[in-house]
């Protein structure tokens, strides 16, 4: 049985494109923008939509690596953590969004292959420099997604009102 894993998967799917009590999902937010908006930093100190999606993708890829190998490779200080808009524009929005979508599918597929006992197994976290249970990183990624979903809401609202 794996009710905990199934619940985590459901939460990831709902935050992406389900029906949440908060009323917004990544899909509903990203459907409000077009490519002309995604590389704009609305004000100093706020990231662009592309920067946030790229950031989320990096940490999902890192979580996938941790699940597959038992160890990560990135830290908060790595360049890929917050790629500049100049670098992201070279990649293009379709590629950035596609990579983001692929990492969610890959993460969910990996989780489907696990049972609840997996959540108590440990991996080495390069960023936190220690051993942690997989529930720490898997739930942490979900919290990370929700945190940045809120940021996207603010950024998109600002861009639409000031465009």
Protein backbone atom coordinates (compact mmCIF):
# COMPACT_ATOMS: atom_id res chain seq x y z
CA UNK A 1 0.00 0.00 0.00
CA UNK A 2 1.13 3.52 -0.67
CA UNK A 3 -1.50 6.02 0.45
CA UNK A 4 1.11 8.64 1.42
CA UNK A 5 2.86 8.51 -1.96
CA UNK A 6 -0.49 8.62 -3.75
CA UNK A 7 -1.52 11.65 -1.69
CA UNK A 8 1.73 13.45 -2.52
CA UNK A 9 1.29 12.71 -6.23
CA UNK A 10 -2.28 14.02 -6.07
CA UNK A 11 -1.08 17.23 -4.42
CA UNK A 12 1.58 17.78 -7.09
CA UNK A 13 -1.02 17.25 -9.81
CA UNK A 14 -3.58 19.54 -8.16
CA UNK A 15 -1.07 22.37 -7.67
CA UNK A 16 -0.17 22.07 -11.33
CA UNK A 17 -3.61 21.87 -12.89
CA UNK A 18 -6.26 20.69 -10.45
CA UNK A 19 -9.07 22.42 -8.60
CA UNK A 20 -7.54 24.02 -5.53
CA UNK A 21 -9.29 25.81 -2.71
CA UNK A 22 -6.94 28.77 -3.33
CA UNK A 23 -8.34 29.01 -6.84
CA UNK A 24 -5.05 29.20 -8.74
CA UNK A 25 -2.77 26.58 -10.23
CA UNK A 26 0.36 26.81 -12.31
CA UNK A 27 -1.67 26.05 -15.42
CA UNK A 28 -4.28 28.72 -14.68
CA UNK A 29 -1.58 31.31 -14.00
CA UNK A 30 0.64 30.45 -16.97
CA UNK A 31 -2.37 30.43 -19.31
CA UNK A 32 -2.74 34.16 -18.54
CA UNK A 33 0.61 35.08 -20.09
CA UNK A 34 2.21 35.02 -23.49
CA UNK A 35 5.83 34.86 -24.52
CA UNK A 36 6.12 38.66 -24.59
CA UNK A 37 5.58 38.77 -20.81
CA UNK A 38 7.65 35.89 -19.45
CA UNK A 39 11.09 37.53 -19.55
CA UNK A 40 10.04 40.83 -17.94
CA UNK A 41 11.10 41.61 -14.39
CA UNK A 42 8.17 43.77 -13.29
CA UNK A 43 10.13 45.68 -10.64
CA UNK A 44 13.57 45.53 -9.11
CA UNK A 45 13.79 42.60 -6.74
CA UNK A 46 11.16 40.45 -8.44
CA UNK A 47 12.07 37.65 -10.81
CA UNK A 48 10.54 37.14 -14.23
CA UNK A 49 8.10 34.32 -14.91
CA UNK A 50 10.77 32.52 -16.96
CA UNK A 51 13.29 32.84 -14.13
CA UNK A 52 10.86 31.28 -11.65
CA UNK A 53 9.88 28.42 -13.97
CA UNK A 54 13.55 27.73 -14.74
CA UNK A 55 14.35 27.80 -11.01
CA UNK A 56 11.55 25.33 -10.25
CA UNK A 57 12.76 23.07 -13.05
CA UNK A 58 16.30 23.00 -11.69
CA UNK A 59 15.15 21.93 -8.24
CA UNK A 60 12.77 19.33 -9.65
CA UNK A 61 15.65 17.90 -11.69
CA UNK A 62 17.72 17.90 -8.53
CA UNK A 63 14.98 16.06 -6.63
CA UNK A 64 14.74 13.50 -9.42
CA UNK A 65 18.53 13.00 -9.22
CA UNK A 66 18.31 12.52 -5.45
CA UNK A 67 15.58 9.91 -5.85
CA UNK A 68 17.48 8.09 -8.60
CA UNK A 69 20.98 8.18 -7.06
CA UNK A 70 20.64 9.00 -3.36
CA UNK A 71 22.59 12.24 -3.71
CA UNK A 72 22.17 15.65 -5.20
CA UNK A 73 24.62 17.84 -7.09
CA UNK A 74 23.41 21.45 -6.81
CA UNK A 75 23.43 24.10 -4.11
CA UNK A 76 21.70 27.46 -3.76
CA UNK A 77 24.91 29.08 -4.96
CA UNK A 78 25.04 27.33 -8.34
CA UNK A 79 24.59 29.51 -11.42
CA UNK A 80 21.66 27.44 -12.70
CA UNK A 81 19.64 28.25 -9.57
CA UNK A 82 18.68 31.63 -11.01
CA UNK A 83 19.62 31.87 -14.67
CA UNK A 84 19.52 35.39 -16.08
CA UNK A 85 16.81 36.44 -18.48
CA UNK A 86 19.51 36.89 -21.14
CA UNK A 87 20.41 33.20 -20.89
CA UNK A 88 16.79 32.12 -20.65
CA UNK A 89 15.76 34.14 -23.71
CA UNK A 90 18.34 32.20 -25.71
CA UNK A 91 16.61 28.98 -24.65
CA UNK A 92 13.16 30.36 -25.46
CA UNK A 93 9.91 30.12 -23.55
CA UNK A 94 8.62 26.97 -25.31
CA UNK A 95 11.77 25.06 -24.26
CA UNK A 96 11.70 26.40 -20.69
CA UNK A 97 8.03 25.50 -20.27
CA UNK A 98 8.52 22.09 -21.89
CA UNK A 99 11.38 21.22 -19.52
CA UNK A 100 9.26 22.31 -16.57
CA UNK A 101 6.36 20.10 -17.71
CA UNK A 102 8.68 17.12 -18.34
CA UNK A 103 10.17 17.29 -14.86
CA UNK A 104 6.73 17.06 -13.27
CA UNK A 105 5.89 13.99 -15.33
CA UNK A 106 9.24 12.38 -14.51
CA UNK A 107 8.92 13.12 -10.79
CA UNK A 108 5.39 11.69 -10.65
CA UNK A 109 6.44 8.59 -12.59
CA UNK A 110 9.31 8.04 -10.15
CA UNK A 111 7.02 8.45 -7.17
CA UNK A 112 4.52 5.99 -8.65
CA UNK A 113 7.26 3.36 -8.58
CA UNK A 114 7.83 3.83 -4.82
CA UNK A 115 5.93 2.74 -1.74
CA UNK A 116 5.41 4.65 1.49
CA UNK A 117 8.51 3.11 3.12
CA UNK A 118 10.60 4.99 0.57
CA UNK A 119 9.67 8.28 2.27
CA UNK A 120 11.64 7.22 5.37
CA UNK A 121 14.75 6.20 3.44
CA UNK A 122 17.64 8.66 3.41
CA UNK A 123 19.59 10.49 0.74
CA UNK A 124 22.52 12.91 1.02
CA UNK A 125 21.51 16.51 0.48
CA UNK A 126 24.36 18.47 -1.12
CA UNK A 127 22.80 21.83 -0.30
CA UNK A 128 22.03 21.06 3.37
CA UNK A 129 25.19 18.94 3.72
CA UNK A 130 23.62 15.99 5.48
CA UNK A 131 21.39 12.95 5.29
CA UNK A 132 17.65 13.55 5.13
CA UNK A 133 14.62 11.40 4.50
CA UNK A 134 13.05 11.49 1.06
CA UNK A 135 9.87 12.87 2.64
CA UNK A 136 11.91 16.01 3.44
CA UNK A 137 12.80 16.73 -0.19
CA UNK A 138 9.55 15.49 -1.77
CA UNK A 139 7.33 17.51 0.56
CA UNK A 140 9.81 20.38 0.43
CA UNK A 141 9.51 20.53 -3.35
CA UNK A 142 5.74 20.69 -3.04
CA UNK A 143 6.05 23.58 -0.57
CA UNK A 144 8.58 25.22 -2.89
CA UNK A 145 6.14 24.98 -5.80
CA UNK A 146 3.33 26.55 -3.77
CA UNK A 147 5.59 29.36 -2.57
CA UNK A 148 6.55 30.25 -6.13
CA UNK A 149 2.96 29.88 -7.36
CA UNK A 150 2.14 32.79 -5.07
CA UNK A 151 5.02 34.80 -6.50
CA UNK A 152 3.81 34.11 -10.03
CA UNK A 153 0.39 35.42 -9.07
CA UNK A 154 1.88 38.71 -7.87
CA UNK A 155 4.16 39.06 -10.90
CA UNK A 156 1.40 38.30 -13.40
CA UNK A 157 -1.02 40.70 -11.72
CA UNK A 158 1.60 43.44 -11.76
CA UNK A 159 2.50 42.82 -15.42
CA UNK A 160 -1.14 42.87 -16.51
CA UNK A 161 -1.98 46.03 -14.58
CA UNK A 162 1.10 47.91 -15.74
CA UNK A 163 1.29 46.76 -19.34
